[in-house]
Amino acid sequence: MNLKQLFTDLVRLETELWNAVDQRLRAEFDLPLGRYDLMQVISRTRGCRVYDLAREVSITVGAASKSVDRIEANGLCVRRPHPEDRRSSIIELTPAGESLLARATTTVENELDVRLGSALPKRDLEHLSATISTLRAAGARADAETQAQGR
């Protein structure tokens, strides 16, 4: 097995999928995929904070904060004072943000169905999903071991 080729293929596939979905979201809603991704996290995370966004999508707290600023400037989310921590805010989607997220989700699902759902049988997609989850968990364990060893 050529792991370098597998790595290259995975990275290229991720890039191609990201670009295709991003292009659709920008064309139909003027919504970059990165912001859509954050809006999904805000929608499903009760008491969502910038830290939660950063952790969930693997970006820095600063990048998450700036992205929330942009989403908020477009009227799609609001920050409310955190009731237990004066240093942070709770981020919630506005009704306009919830509406946009719902419409954009339909577009994302359609694009993914074209690019993934129609390419492989359901059983193969389920196996691929499980395999990717296993690889991500192995990577997280390797990161934790590296950090524990102080490297």
C-alpha atoms as a PDB file:
ATOM      1  CA  MET A   1       0.000   0.000   0.000  1.00  0.00           C
ATOM      2  CA  ASN A   2       1.367   3.380  -0.994  1.00  0.00           C
ATOM      3  CA  LEU A   3       0.394   5.600   1.951  1.00  0.00           C
ATOM      4  CA  LYS A   4       1.794   8.735   0.323  1.00  0.00           C
ATOM      5  CA  GLN A   5      -0.526   8.240  -2.660  1.00  0.00           C
ATOM      6  CA  LEU A   6      -3.456   7.541  -0.348  1.00  0.00           C
ATOM      7  CA  PHE A   7      -2.657  10.755   1.525  1.00  0.00           C
ATOM      8  CA  THR A   8      -2.505  12.709  -1.735  1.00  0.00           C
ATOM      9  CA  ASP A   9      -5.802  11.236  -2.937  1.00  0.00           C
ATOM     10  CA  LEU A  10      -7.553  12.022   0.369  1.00  0.00           C
ATOM     11  CA  VAL A  11      -6.285  15.610   0.407  1.00  0.00           C
ATOM     12  CA  ARG A  12      -7.252  16.170  -3.226  1.00  0.00           C
ATOM     13  CA  LEU A  13     -10.704  14.681  -2.687  1.00  0.00           C
ATOM     14  CA  GLU A  14     -11.260  16.896   0.361  1.00  0.00           C
ATOM     15  CA  THR A  15     -10.157  19.953  -1.612  1.00  0.00           C
ATOM     16  CA  GLU A  16     -12.367  19.105  -4.576  1.00  0.00           C
ATOM     17  CA  LEU A  17     -15.404  18.474  -2.352  1.00  0.00           C
ATOM     18  CA  TRP A  18     -14.797  21.641  -0.330  1.00  0.00           C
ATOM     19  CA  ASN A  19     -14.434  23.754  -3.468  1.00  0.00           C
ATOM     20  CA  ALA A  20     -17.566  22.341  -5.109  1.00  0.00           C
ATOM     21  CA  VAL A  21     -19.753  22.846  -2.042  1.00  0.00           C
ATOM     22  CA  ASP A  22     -18.218  26.256  -1.311  1.00  0.00           C
ATOM     23  CA  GLN A  23     -18.864  27.383  -4.890  1.00  0.00           C
ATOM     24  CA  ARG A  24     -22.543  26.375  -4.680  1.00  0.00           C
ATOM     25  CA  LEU A  25     -23.048  28.092  -1.325  1.00  0.00           C
ATOM     26  CA  ARG A  26     -21.371  31.279  -2.501  1.00  0.00           C
ATOM     27  CA  ALA A  27     -23.342  31.330  -5.770  1.00  0.00           C
ATOM     28  CA  GLU A  28     -26.729  30.610  -4.205  1.00  0.00           C
ATOM     29  CA  PHE A  29     -26.457  32.331  -0.812  1.00  0.00           C
ATOM     30  CA  ASP A  30     -23.254  34.416  -0.770  1.00  0.00           C
ATOM     31  CA  LEU A  31     -22.224  32.130   2.096  1.00  0.00           C
ATOM     32  CA  PRO A  32     -18.708  30.674   2.237  1.00  0.00           C
ATOM     33  CA  LEU A  33     -18.525  27.054   3.360  1.00  0.00           C
ATOM     34  CA  GLY A  34     -16.380  27.984   6.364  1.00  0.00           C
ATOM     35  CA  ARG A  35     -19.135  30.228   7.736  1.00  0.00           C
ATOM     36  CA  TYR A  36     -21.767  27.621   6.941  1.00  0.00           C
ATOM     37  CA  ASP A  37     -19.722  25.107   8.925  1.00  0.00           C
ATOM     38  CA  LEU A  38     -19.561  27.436  11.934  1.00  0.00           C
ATOM     39  CA  MET A  39     -23.287  28.163  11.702  1.00  0.00           C
ATOM     40  CA  GLN A  40     -23.966  24.423  11.874  1.00  0.00           C
ATOM     41  CA  VAL A  41     -21.932  24.171  15.066  1.00  0.00           C
ATOM     42  CA  ILE A  42     -23.694  27.201  16.574  1.00  0.00           C
ATOM     43  CA  SER A  43     -27.058  25.661  15.700  1.00  0.00           C
ATOM     44  CA  ARG A  44     -26.381  22.321  17.380  1.00  0.00           C
ATOM     45  CA  THR A  45     -24.300  23.475  20.381  1.00  0.00           C
ATOM     46  CA  ARG A  46     -26.295  24.671  23.360  1.00  0.00           C
ATOM     47  CA  GLY A  47     -24.525  27.593  25.015  1.00  0.00           C
ATOM     48  CA  CYS A  48     -22.062  27.827  22.122  1.00  0.00           C
ATOM     49  CA  ARG A  49     -18.918  29.875  22.772  1.00  0.00           C
ATOM     50  CA  VAL A  50     -16.118  30.899  20.426  1.00  0.00           C
ATOM     51  CA  TYR A  51     -13.923  28.285  22.120  1.00  0.00           C
ATOM     52  CA  ASP A  52     -16.475  25.578  21.215  1.00  0.00           C
ATOM     53  CA  LEU A  53     -16.374  26.650  17.573  1.00  0.00           C
ATOM     54  CA  ALA A  54     -12.580  26.660  17.472  1.00  0.00           C
ATOM     55  CA  ARG A  55     -12.376  23.198  19.001  1.00  0.00           C
ATOM     56  CA  GLU A  56     -15.118  21.737  16.809  1.00  0.00           C
ATOM     57  CA  VAL A  57     -13.729  22.912  13.460  1.00  0.00           C
ATOM     58  CA  SER A  58     -10.018  22.800  14.384  1.00  0.00           C
ATOM     59  CA  ILE A  59      -9.212  26.503  14.010  1.00  0.00           C
ATOM     60  CA  THR A  60      -7.721  29.041  16.406  1.00  0.00           C
ATOM     61  CA  VAL A  61      -9.884  30.948  18.850  1.00  0.00           C
ATOM     62  CA  GLY A  62      -8.884  34.165  17.060  1.00  0.00           C
ATOM     63  CA  ALA A  63     -10.010  32.837  13.688  1.00  0.00           C
ATOM     64  CA  ALA A  64     -13.271  31.615  15.182  1.00  0.00           C
ATOM     65  CA  SER A  65     -13.892  34.979  16.821  1.00  0.00           C
ATOM     66  CA  LYS A  66     -13.275  36.883  13.576  1.00  0.00           C
ATOM     67  CA  SER A  67     -15.593  34.530  11.695  1.00  0.00           C
ATOM     68  CA  VAL A  68     -18.320  35.054  14.289  1.00  0.00           C
ATOM     69  CA  ASP A  69     -17.821  38.817  13.865  1.00  0.00           C
ATOM     70  CA  ARG A  70     -18.543  38.409  10.131  1.00  0.00           C
ATOM     71  CA  ILE A  71     -21.565  36.169  10.701  1.00  0.00           C
ATOM     72  CA  GLU A  72     -22.890  38.624  13.271  1.00  0.00           C
ATOM     73  CA  ALA A  73     -22.285  41.604  10.953  1.00  0.00           C
ATOM     74  CA  ASN A  74     -24.527  39.879   8.408  1.00  0.00           C
ATOM     75  CA  GLY A  75     -27.299  39.585  10.994  1.00  0.00           C
ATOM     76  CA  LEU A  76     -27.083  35.795  11.129  1.00  0.00           C
ATOM     77  CA  CYS A  77     -26.051  35.390  14.772  1.00  0.00           C
ATOM     78  CA  VAL A  78     -25.916  37.329  18.019  1.00  0.00           C
ATOM     79  CA  ARG A  79     -23.629  37.207  21.028  1.00  0.00           C
ATOM     80  CA  ARG A  80     -25.214  37.263  24.449  1.00  0.00           C
ATOM     81  CA  PRO A  81     -23.407  37.603  27.777  1.00  0.00           C
ATOM     82  CA  HIS A  82     -22.545  34.227  29.283  1.00  0.00           C
ATOM     83  CA  PRO A  83     -24.539  33.939  32.515  1.00  0.00           C
ATOM     84  CA  GLU A  84     -21.718  32.199  34.406  1.00  0.00           C
ATOM     85  CA  ASP A  85     -18.558  33.514  32.746  1.00  0.00           C
ATOM     86  CA  ARG A  86     -18.188  37.250  32.207  1.00  0.00           C
ATOM     87  CA  ARG A  87     -15.181  36.664  29.914  1.00  0.00           C
ATOM     88  CA  SER A  88     -17.161  34.843  27.234  1.00  0.00           C
ATOM     89  CA  SER A  89     -20.356  35.155  25.257  1.00  0.00           C
ATOM     90  CA  ILE A  90     -22.988  32.718  24.124  1.00  0.00           C
ATOM     91  CA  ILE A  91     -23.495  32.698  20.362  1.00  0.00           C
ATOM     92  CA  GLU A  92     -26.922  32.003  18.882  1.00  0.00           C
ATOM     93  CA  LEU A  93     -28.272  32.093  15.364  1.00  0.00           C
ATOM     94  CA  THR A  94     -30.871  34.726  14.607  1.00  0.00           C
ATOM     95  CA  PRO A  95     -34.097  33.712  12.850  1.00  0.00           C
ATOM     96  CA  ALA A  96     -32.471  34.916   9.602  1.00  0.00           C
ATOM     97  CA  GLY A  97     -29.439  32.744  10.361  1.00  0.00           C
ATOM     98  CA  GLU A  98     -31.603  29.710  11.077  1.00  0.00           C
ATOM     99  CA  SER A  99     -33.521  30.233   7.839  1.00  0.00           C
ATOM    100  CA  LEU A 100     -30.353  30.633   5.779  1.00  0.00           C
ATOM    101  CA  LEU A 101     -28.782  27.584   7.417  1.00  0.00           C
ATOM    102  CA  ALA A 102     -31.821  25.453   6.570  1.00  0.00           C
ATOM    103  CA  ARG A 103     -31.832  26.530   2.920  1.00  0.00           C
ATOM    104  CA  ALA A 104     -28.057  26.176   2.606  1.00  0.00           C
ATOM    105  CA  THR A 105     -28.184  22.709   4.162  1.00  0.00           C
ATOM    106  CA  THR A 106     -30.471  21.542   1.368  1.00  0.00           C
ATOM    107  CA  THR A 107     -27.933  22.802  -1.170  1.00  0.00           C
ATOM    108  CA  VAL A 108     -25.037  21.109   0.653  1.00  0.00           C
ATOM    109  CA  GLU A 109     -26.942  17.827   0.829  1.00  0.00           C
ATOM    110  CA  ASN A 110     -27.774  18.011  -2.887  1.00  0.00           C
ATOM    111  CA  GLU A 111     -24.161  18.683  -3.873  1.00  0.00           C
ATOM    112  CA  LEU A 112     -22.871  15.889  -1.655  1.00  0.00           C
ATOM    113  CA  ASP A 113     -25.436  13.502  -3.054  1.00  0.00           C
ATOM    114  CA  VAL A 114     -24.190  14.272  -6.567  1.00  0.00           C
ATOM    115  CA  ARG A 115     -20.526  13.921  -5.626  1.00  0.00           C
ATOM    116  CA  LEU A 116     -20.673  11.112  -3.043  1.00  0.00           C
ATOM    117  CA  GLY A 117     -24.120   9.570  -2.773  1.00  0.00           C
ATOM    118  CA  SER A 118     -24.421   8.702  -6.430  1.00  0.00           C
ATOM    119  CA  ALA A 119     -20.798   7.545  -6.729  1.00  0.00           C
ATOM    120  CA  LEU A 120     -20.892   4.615  -4.306  1.00  0.00           C
ATOM    121  CA  PRO A 121     -23.497   2.218  -2.940  1.00  0.00           C
ATOM    122  CA  LYS A 122     -24.845   3.098   0.517  1.00  0.00           C
ATOM    123  CA  ARG A 123     -22.972   0.192   2.144  1.00  0.00           C
ATOM    124  CA  ASP A 124     -19.647   1.400   0.722  1.00  0.00           C
ATOM    125  CA  LEU A 125     -20.343   4.959   1.901  1.00  0.00           C
ATOM    126  CA  GLU A 126     -21.128   3.671   5.407  1.00  0.00           C
ATOM    127  CA  HIS A 127     -17.880   1.690   5.417  1.00  0.00           C
ATOM    128  CA  LEU A 128     -15.929   4.715   4.174  1.00  0.00           C
ATOM    129  CA  SER A 129     -17.475   6.892   6.880  1.00  0.00           C
ATOM    130  CA  ALA A 130     -16.569   4.375   9.589  1.00  0.00           C
ATOM    131  CA  THR A 131     -13.029   4.087   8.250  1.00  0.00           C
ATOM    132  CA  ILE A 132     -12.536   7.853   8.222  1.00  0.00           C
ATOM    133  CA  SER A 133     -13.831   8.041  11.809  1.00  0.00           C
ATOM    134  CA  THR A 134     -11.335   5.367  12.827  1.00  0.00           C
ATOM    135  CA  LEU A 135      -8.483   7.262  11.146  1.00  0.00           C
ATOM    136  CA  ARG A 136      -9.477  10.542  12.815  1.00  0.00           C
ATOM    137  CA  ALA A 137      -9.600   8.841  16.223  1.00  0.00           C
ATOM    138  CA  ALA A 138      -6.148   7.326  15.620  1.00  0.00           C
ATOM    139  CA  GLY A 139      -4.829  10.763  14.709  1.00  0.00           C
ATOM    140  CA  ALA A 140      -6.309  12.264  17.881  1.00  0.00           C
ATOM    141  CA  ARG A 141      -4.643   9.528  19.961  1.00  0.00           C
ATOM    142  CA  ALA A 142      -1.312  10.158  18.232  1.00  0.00           C
ATOM    143  CA  ASP A 143      -1.653  13.902  18.915  1.00  0.00           C
ATOM    144  CA  ALA A 144      -2.437  13.245  22.583  1.00  0.00           C
ATOM    145  CA  GLU A 145       0.571  10.923  22.928  1.00  0.00           C
ATOM    146  CA  THR A 146       2.856  13.459  21.254  1.00  0.00           C
ATOM    147  CA  GLN A 147       1.585  16.201  23.568  1.00  0.00           C
ATOM    148  CA  ALA A 148       1.975  13.967  26.641  1.00  0.00           C
ATOM    149  CA  GLN A 149       5.593  13.277  25.667  1.00  0.00           C
ATOM    150  CA  GLY A 150       6.237  16.987  25.310  1.00  0.00           C
ATOM    151  CA  ARG A 151       7.157  16.858  21.640  1.00  0.00           C
END
